C-alpha atoms as a PDB file:
ATOM      1  CA  UNK A   1      40.040  50.635 163.874  1.00  0.00           C
ATOM      2  CA  UNK A   2      39.222  49.139 160.464  1.00  0.00           C
ATOM      3  CA  UNK A   3      36.575  50.497 158.269  1.00  0.00           C
ATOM      4  CA  UNK A   4      34.786  47.090 158.761  1.00  0.00           C
ATOM      5  CA  UNK A   5      33.837  48.050 162.337  1.00  0.00           C
ATOM      6  CA  UNK A   6      32.168  51.329 161.313  1.00  0.00           C
ATOM      7  CA  UNK A   7      28.653  51.920 162.613  1.00  0.00           C
ATOM      8  CA  UNK A   8      26.702  53.729 160.050  1.00  0.00           C
ATOM      9  CA  UNK A   9      23.737  55.427 161.654  1.00  0.00           C
ATOM     10  CA  UNK A  10      20.702  56.292 159.480  1.00  0.00           C
ATOM     11  CA  UNK A  11      18.420  57.873 161.944  1.00  0.00           C
ATOM     12  CA  UNK A  12      17.815  58.442 165.740  1.00  0.00           C
ATOM     13  CA  UNK A  13      14.562  57.604 167.565  1.00  0.00           C
ATOM     14  CA  UNK A  14      12.800  60.469 169.388  1.00  0.00           C
ATOM     15  CA  UNK A  15      12.077  60.007 173.079  1.00  0.00           C
ATOM     16  CA  UNK A  16       8.498  59.697 172.128  1.00  0.00           C
ATOM     17  CA  UNK A  17       9.149  56.992 169.684  1.00  0.00           C
ATOM     18  CA  UNK A  18      11.112  54.979 172.147  1.00  0.00           C
ATOM     19  CA  UNK A  19       8.616  55.432 174.848  1.00  0.00           C
ATOM     20  CA  UNK A  20       5.292  54.994 172.883  1.00  0.00           C
ATOM     21  CA  UNK A  21       6.330  51.947 170.501  1.00  0.00           C
ATOM     22  CA  UNK A  22       9.983  50.855 170.420  1.00  0.00           C
ATOM     23  CA  UNK A  23      10.265  49.600 174.149  1.00  0.00           C
ATOM     24  CA  UNK A  24       6.782  48.228 174.174  1.00  0.00           C
ATOM     25  CA  UNK A  25       7.566  46.241 170.927  1.00  0.00           C
ATOM     26  CA  UNK A  26      10.791  44.884 172.442  1.00  0.00           C
ATOM     27  CA  UNK A  27       9.072  43.890 175.770  1.00  0.00           C
ATOM     28  CA  UNK A  28       6.179  42.382 173.866  1.00  0.00           C
ATOM     29  CA  UNK A  29       8.527  40.387 171.550  1.00  0.00           C
ATOM     30  CA  UNK A  30      10.633  39.108 174.523  1.00  0.00           C
ATOM     31  CA  UNK A  31       7.406  37.827 176.343  1.00  0.00           C
ATOM     32  CA  UNK A  32       5.871  36.395 173.266  1.00  0.00           C
ATOM     33  CA  UNK A  33       8.951  34.747 171.570  1.00  0.00           C
ATOM     34  CA  UNK A  34      11.255  34.325 174.770  1.00  0.00           C
ATOM     35  CA  UNK A  35      14.552  35.953 175.306  1.00  0.00           C
ATOM     36  CA  UNK A  36      16.920  34.988 172.659  1.00  0.00           C
ATOM     37  CA  UNK A  37      20.146  36.544 174.264  1.00  0.00           C
ATOM     38  CA  UNK A  38      19.676  36.646 178.237  1.00  0.00           C
ATOM     39  CA  UNK A  39      23.017  38.541 178.748  1.00  0.00           C
ATOM     40  CA  UNK A  40      22.129  41.185 176.063  1.00  0.00           C
ATOM     41  CA  UNK A  41      18.577  41.520 177.735  1.00  0.00           C
ATOM     42  CA  UNK A  42      19.985  42.123 181.083  1.00  0.00           C
ATOM     43  CA  UNK A  43      22.339  44.592 179.984  1.00  0.00           C
ATOM     44  CA  UNK A  44      19.548  46.441 178.024  1.00  0.00           C
ATOM     45  CA  UNK A  45      17.174  46.424 181.106  1.00  0.00           C
ATOM     46  CA  UNK A  46      20.007  48.083 183.256  1.00  0.00           C
ATOM     47  CA  UNK A  47      20.722  50.614 180.630  1.00  0.00           C
ATOM     48  CA  UNK A  48      17.640  51.421 178.376  1.00  0.00           C
ATOM     49  CA  UNK A  49      17.480  54.837 179.820  1.00  0.00           C
ATOM     50  CA  UNK A  50      21.137  55.558 180.250  1.00  0.00           C
ATOM     51  CA  UNK A  51      22.387  59.150 180.485  1.00  0.00           C
ATOM     52  CA  UNK A  52      23.722  60.583 177.065  1.00  0.00           C
ATOM     53  CA  UNK A  53      22.343  57.651 174.998  1.00  0.00           C
ATOM     54  CA  UNK A  54      20.257  57.293 171.922  1.00  0.00           C
ATOM     55  CA  UNK A  55      18.668  54.549 170.030  1.00  0.00           C
ATOM     56  CA  UNK A  56      19.642  54.227 166.313  1.00  0.00           C
ATOM     57  CA  UNK A  57      18.584  52.691 163.243  1.00  0.00           C
ATOM     58  CA  UNK A  58      21.744  51.673 161.399  1.00  0.00           C
ATOM     59  CA  UNK A  59      22.845  50.637 157.857  1.00  0.00           C
ATOM     60  CA  UNK A  60      24.055  47.204 156.943  1.00  0.00           C
ATOM     61  CA  UNK A  61      26.792  46.184 159.285  1.00  0.00           C
ATOM     62  CA  UNK A  62      29.925  45.702 157.252  1.00  0.00           C
ATOM     63  CA  UNK A  63      31.112  43.049 159.769  1.00  0.00           C
ATOM     64  CA  UNK A  64      29.707  41.425 162.876  1.00  0.00           C
ATOM     65  CA  UNK A  65      30.166  44.195 165.609  1.00  0.00           C
ATOM     66  CA  UNK A  66      30.039  42.920 169.303  1.00  0.00           C
ATOM     67  CA  UNK A  67      28.008  44.849 172.033  1.00  0.00           C
ATOM     68  CA  UNK A  68      30.405  46.933 173.979  1.00  0.00           C
ATOM     69  CA  UNK A  69      32.268  48.237 170.866  1.00  0.00           C
ATOM     70  CA  UNK A  70      33.931  51.692 171.526  1.00  0.00           C
ATOM     71  CA  UNK A  71      34.443  54.460 169.145  1.00  0.00           C
ATOM     72  CA  UNK A  72      36.527  57.472 169.234  1.00  0.00           C
ATOM     73  CA  UNK A  73      35.443  59.512 166.177  1.00  0.00           C
ATOM     74  CA  UNK A  74      32.128  60.611 164.637  1.00  0.00           C
ATOM     75  CA  UNK A  75      31.559  61.961 161.057  1.00  0.00           C
ATOM     76  CA  UNK A  76      29.094  62.761 158.506  1.00  0.00           C
ATOM     77  CA  UNK A  77      28.808  60.674 155.339  1.00  0.00           C
ATOM     78  CA  UNK A  78      27.321  60.734 151.772  1.00  0.00           C
ATOM     79  CA  UNK A  79      27.338  57.796 149.430  1.00  0.00           C
ATOM     80  CA  UNK A  80      29.114  55.636 152.279  1.00  0.00           C
ATOM     81  CA  UNK A  81      32.186  58.162 152.147  1.00  0.00           C
ATOM     82  CA  UNK A  82      33.162  60.172 155.240  1.00  0.00           C
ATOM     83  CA  UNK A  83      33.159  63.941 154.736  1.00  0.00           C
ATOM     84  CA  UNK A  84      36.591  64.777 155.853  1.00  0.00           C
ATOM     85  CA  UNK A  85      35.678  68.183 157.301  1.00  0.00           C
ATOM     86  CA  UNK A  86      32.986  66.694 159.455  1.00  0.00           C
ATOM     87  CA  UNK A  87      35.212  64.426 161.563  1.00  0.00           C
ATOM     88  CA  UNK A  88      35.008  65.132 165.434  1.00  0.00           C
ATOM     89  CA  UNK A  89      36.369  63.158 168.365  1.00  0.00           C
ATOM     90  CA  UNK A  90      33.915  61.690 170.652  1.00  0.00           C
ATOM     91  CA  UNK A  91      33.945  58.659 172.886  1.00  0.00           C
ATOM     92  CA  UNK A  92      31.052  56.365 172.349  1.00  0.00           C
ATOM     93  CA  UNK A  93      30.159  52.820 173.389  1.00  0.00           C
ATOM     94  CA  UNK A  94      27.465  50.401 171.886  1.00  0.00           C
ATOM     95  CA  UNK A  95      25.408  49.309 175.014  1.00  0.00           C
ATOM     96  CA  UNK A  96      23.450  46.832 172.990  1.00  0.00           C
ATOM     97  CA  UNK A  97      22.222  45.909 169.551  1.00  0.00           C
ATOM     98  CA  UNK A  98      18.699  44.706 168.678  1.00  0.00           C
ATOM     99  CA  UNK A  99      17.499  42.097 166.199  1.00  0.00           C
ATOM    100  CA  UNK A 100      15.916  43.384 163.037  1.00  0.00           C
ATOM    101  CA  UNK A 101      13.455  40.633 163.034  1.00  0.00           C
ATOM    102  CA  UNK A 102      10.980  40.405 166.168  1.00  0.00           C
ATOM    103  CA  UNK A 103      13.076  43.225 167.651  1.00  0.00           C
ATOM    104  CA  UNK A 104      14.765  42.400 171.026  1.00  0.00           C
ATOM    105  CA  UNK A 105      18.249  42.916 172.542  1.00  0.00           C
ATOM    106  CA  UNK A 106      21.250  41.096 170.855  1.00  0.00           C
ATOM    107  CA  UNK A 107      24.902  40.582 171.700  1.00  0.00           C
ATOM    108  CA  UNK A 108      26.013  41.922 168.249  1.00  0.00           C
ATOM    109  CA  UNK A 109      25.051  43.638 165.026  1.00  0.00           C
ATOM    110  CA  UNK A 110      25.054  40.748 162.381  1.00  0.00           C
ATOM    111  CA  UNK A 111      27.181  41.527 159.163  1.00  0.00           C
ATOM    112  CA  UNK A 112      24.969  42.405 156.277  1.00  0.00           C
ATOM    113  CA  UNK A 113      21.925  43.407 158.475  1.00  0.00           C
ATOM    114  CA  UNK A 114      20.088  46.675 159.246  1.00  0.00           C
ATOM    115  CA  UNK A 115      19.511  46.750 162.951  1.00  0.00           C
ATOM    116  CA  UNK A 116      19.070  48.916 165.879  1.00  0.00           C
ATOM    117  CA  UNK A 117      21.472  50.049 168.461  1.00  0.00           C
ATOM    118  CA  UNK A 118      21.635  51.825 171.705  1.00  0.00           C
ATOM    119  CA  UNK A 119      24.813  53.995 171.980  1.00  0.00           C
ATOM    120  CA  UNK A 120      25.954  55.905 174.992  1.00  0.00           C
ATOM    121  CA  UNK A 121      28.276  58.825 174.663  1.00  0.00           C
ATOM    122  CA  UNK A 122      30.803  59.655 177.434  1.00  0.00           C
ATOM    123  CA  UNK A 123      30.308  63.201 177.402  1.00  0.00           C
ATOM    124  CA  UNK A 124      27.171  64.612 175.598  1.00  0.00           C
ATOM    125  CA  UNK A 125      25.395  63.681 172.575  1.00  0.00           C
ATOM    126  CA  UNK A 126      27.272  65.257 169.657  1.00  0.00           C
ATOM    127  CA  UNK A 127      25.213  68.063 168.074  1.00  0.00           C
ATOM    128  CA  UNK A 128      26.108  66.619 164.765  1.00  0.00           C
ATOM    129  CA  UNK A 129      23.489  63.897 165.147  1.00  0.00           C
ATOM    130  CA  UNK A 130      20.673  66.252 165.839  1.00  0.00           C
ATOM    131  CA  UNK A 131      21.859  68.649 163.103  1.00  0.00           C
ATOM    132  CA  UNK A 132      22.416  66.147 160.323  1.00  0.00           C
ATOM    133  CA  UNK A 133      20.636  62.886 160.973  1.00  0.00           C
ATOM    134  CA  UNK A 134      16.890  62.198 160.548  1.00  0.00           C
ATOM    135  CA  UNK A 135      14.819  61.753 163.693  1.00  0.00           C
ATOM    136  CA  UNK A 136      12.607  58.728 163.655  1.00  0.00           C
ATOM    137  CA  UNK A 137       9.104  59.702 164.907  1.00  0.00           C
ATOM    138  CA  UNK A 138       7.200  56.751 163.443  1.00  0.00           C
ATOM    139  CA  UNK A 139       7.479  53.001 162.660  1.00  0.00           C
ATOM    140  CA  UNK A 140       7.961  53.600 158.857  1.00  0.00           C
ATOM    141  CA  UNK A 141      11.241  55.223 158.326  1.00  0.00           C
ATOM    142  CA  UNK A 142      12.895  56.444 155.007  1.00  0.00           C
ATOM    143  CA  UNK A 143      16.506  57.312 155.699  1.00  0.00           C
ATOM    144  CA  UNK A 144      17.977  60.444 154.054  1.00  0.00           C
ATOM    145  CA  UNK A 145      21.080  60.590 151.969  1.00  0.00           C
ATOM    146  CA  UNK A 146      23.308  61.798 154.724  1.00  0.00           C
ATOM    147  CA  UNK A 147      24.440  59.530 157.575  1.00  0.00           C
ATOM    148  CA  UNK A 148      26.584  59.648 160.558  1.00  0.00           C
ATOM    149  CA  UNK A 149      29.400  57.148 161.082  1.00  0.00           C
ATOM    150  CA  UNK A 150      30.975  55.986 164.402  1.00  0.00           C
ATOM    151  CA  UNK A 151      34.661  54.646 163.842  1.00  0.00           C
END
């Protein structure tokens, strides 16, 4: 996989944040503004509480990344560089992305945009995420200097 398909995650949403404001915001936006991507919305509805999954805030996408993108490695990053000793194998799949503006399910992450994603891990959620990535507990989020990369 080329570096352009990397998904660089800056923070993960706590279950409380997902329940208390992220999911209600998504549903409100879909009701108010209409569903922009019906196929993505259907996939989201079926999988919003999928086992071994987390919602993430990710960095600027280096390219358009389609929902369904699969990854086999996860690693810690600093200054957009993967820290070699942190690389681990894992199987992960993006269930869906969410638009940055008027948040709702989307079919892809758009190149150059910060957006949100729902990622499911085949086995369990890698501990490196909890150990190294910031947990998002409120709507305002300031990412740290260390991120996690799926590639």
